[in-house]
Amino acid sequence: MTARTPARRPVVQQPWIDPVRVVVIGAVIAVHAATAYVVPISWYYRSGPHRPGRRC
């Protein structure tokens, strides 16, 4: 006894999706790089308890 899966229609890939995918991935990489290296935010990890006014 074998189970047969129903036939599926072939997937048609839209030609415009590849450039959109490249742009989205590039934008995500650019935003992550900007937040990590360009934007002056203090998100770096510091070990131990941090008290204001104390240098680590």
C-alpha atoms as a PDB file:
ATOM      1  CA  MET A   1       0.000   0.000   0.000  1.00  0.00           C
ATOM      2  CA  THR A   2       1.487   3.344  -1.028  1.00  0.00           C
ATOM      3  CA  ALA A   3       0.110   6.788  -0.388  1.00  0.00           C
ATOM      4  CA  ARG A   4       0.044   9.073  -3.384  1.00  0.00           C
ATOM      5  CA  THR A   5       0.384  12.784  -2.953  1.00  0.00           C
ATOM      6  CA  PRO A   6      -1.857  14.923  -5.095  1.00  0.00           C
ATOM      7  CA  ALA A   7      -0.247  16.575  -8.074  1.00  0.00           C
ATOM      8  CA  ARG A   8       0.729  20.176  -7.460  1.00  0.00           C
ATOM      9  CA  ARG A   9       0.831  22.981  -9.936  1.00  0.00           C
ATOM     10  CA  PRO A  10       4.353  24.087 -10.818  1.00  0.00           C
ATOM     11  CA  VAL A  11       5.499  27.169  -8.931  1.00  0.00           C
ATOM     12  CA  VAL A  12       5.862  30.158 -11.207  1.00  0.00           C
ATOM     13  CA  GLN A  13       8.546  32.536 -10.012  1.00  0.00           C
ATOM     14  CA  GLN A  14       7.922  36.191 -10.677  1.00  0.00           C
ATOM     15  CA  PRO A  15      10.871  37.881 -12.422  1.00  0.00           C
ATOM     16  CA  TRP A  16      10.625  41.060 -10.320  1.00  0.00           C
ATOM     17  CA  ILE A  17      11.119  39.293  -6.982  1.00  0.00           C
ATOM     18  CA  ASP A  18      14.876  38.682  -7.395  1.00  0.00           C
ATOM     19  CA  PRO A  19      15.864  42.387  -7.539  1.00  0.00           C
ATOM     20  CA  VAL A  20      13.520  43.113  -4.628  1.00  0.00           C
ATOM     21  CA  ARG A  21      15.133  40.352  -2.599  1.00  0.00           C
ATOM     22  CA  VAL A  22      18.617  41.718  -3.327  1.00  0.00           C
ATOM     23  CA  VAL A  23      17.581  45.259  -2.335  1.00  0.00           C
ATOM     24  CA  VAL A  24      15.952  44.090   0.916  1.00  0.00           C
ATOM     25  CA  ILE A  25      18.963  41.999   1.933  1.00  0.00           C
ATOM     26  CA  GLY A  26      21.319  44.857   1.071  1.00  0.00           C
ATOM     27  CA  ALA A  27      19.235  47.313   3.075  1.00  0.00           C
ATOM     28  CA  VAL A  28      19.218  45.034   6.126  1.00  0.00           C
ATOM     29  CA  ILE A  29      22.998  44.665   5.946  1.00  0.00           C
ATOM     30  CA  ALA A  30      23.458  48.437   5.548  1.00  0.00           C
ATOM     31  CA  VAL A  31      21.198  49.254   8.503  1.00  0.00           C
ATOM     32  CA  HIS A  32      22.943  46.730  10.722  1.00  0.00           C
ATOM     33  CA  ALA A  33      26.363  48.064   9.756  1.00  0.00           C
ATOM     34  CA  ALA A  34      25.224  51.651  10.332  1.00  0.00           C
ATOM     35  CA  THR A  35      23.880  50.890  13.790  1.00  0.00           C
ATOM     36  CA  ALA A  36      26.997  48.935  14.702  1.00  0.00           C
ATOM     37  CA  TYR A  37      29.708  51.255  13.381  1.00  0.00           C
ATOM     38  CA  VAL A  38      28.339  54.690  12.445  1.00  0.00           C
ATOM     39  CA  VAL A  39      25.558  55.662  14.842  1.00  0.00           C
ATOM     40  CA  PRO A  40      26.958  56.741  18.224  1.00  0.00           C
ATOM     41  CA  ILE A  41      24.885  54.530  20.525  1.00  0.00           C
ATOM     42  CA  SER A  42      26.140  52.826  23.653  1.00  0.00           C
ATOM     43  CA  TRP A  43      24.850  49.316  23.227  1.00  0.00           C
ATOM     44  CA  TYR A  44      28.143  47.559  23.934  1.00  0.00           C
ATOM     45  CA  TYR A  45      28.103  44.799  26.523  1.00  0.00           C
ATOM     46  CA  ARG A  46      29.823  45.479  29.816  1.00  0.00           C
ATOM     47  CA  SER A  47      30.526  42.657  32.194  1.00  0.00           C
ATOM     48  CA  GLY A  48      29.552  43.018  35.821  1.00  0.00           C
ATOM     49  CA  PRO A  49      27.235  45.534  37.409  1.00  0.00           C
ATOM     50  CA  HIS A  50      27.407  48.976  35.883  1.00  0.00           C
ATOM     51  CA  ARG A  51      27.126  51.968  38.141  1.00  0.00           C
ATOM     52  CA  PRO A  52      26.728  55.453  36.675  1.00  0.00           C
ATOM     53  CA  GLY A  53      29.848  57.558  37.039  1.00  0.00           C
ATOM     54  CA  ARG A  54      32.136  54.547  37.280  1.00  0.00           C
ATOM     55  CA  ARG A  55      34.512  53.708  34.457  1.00  0.00           C
ATOM     56  CA  CYS A  56      34.851  50.070  33.485  1.00  0.00           C
END
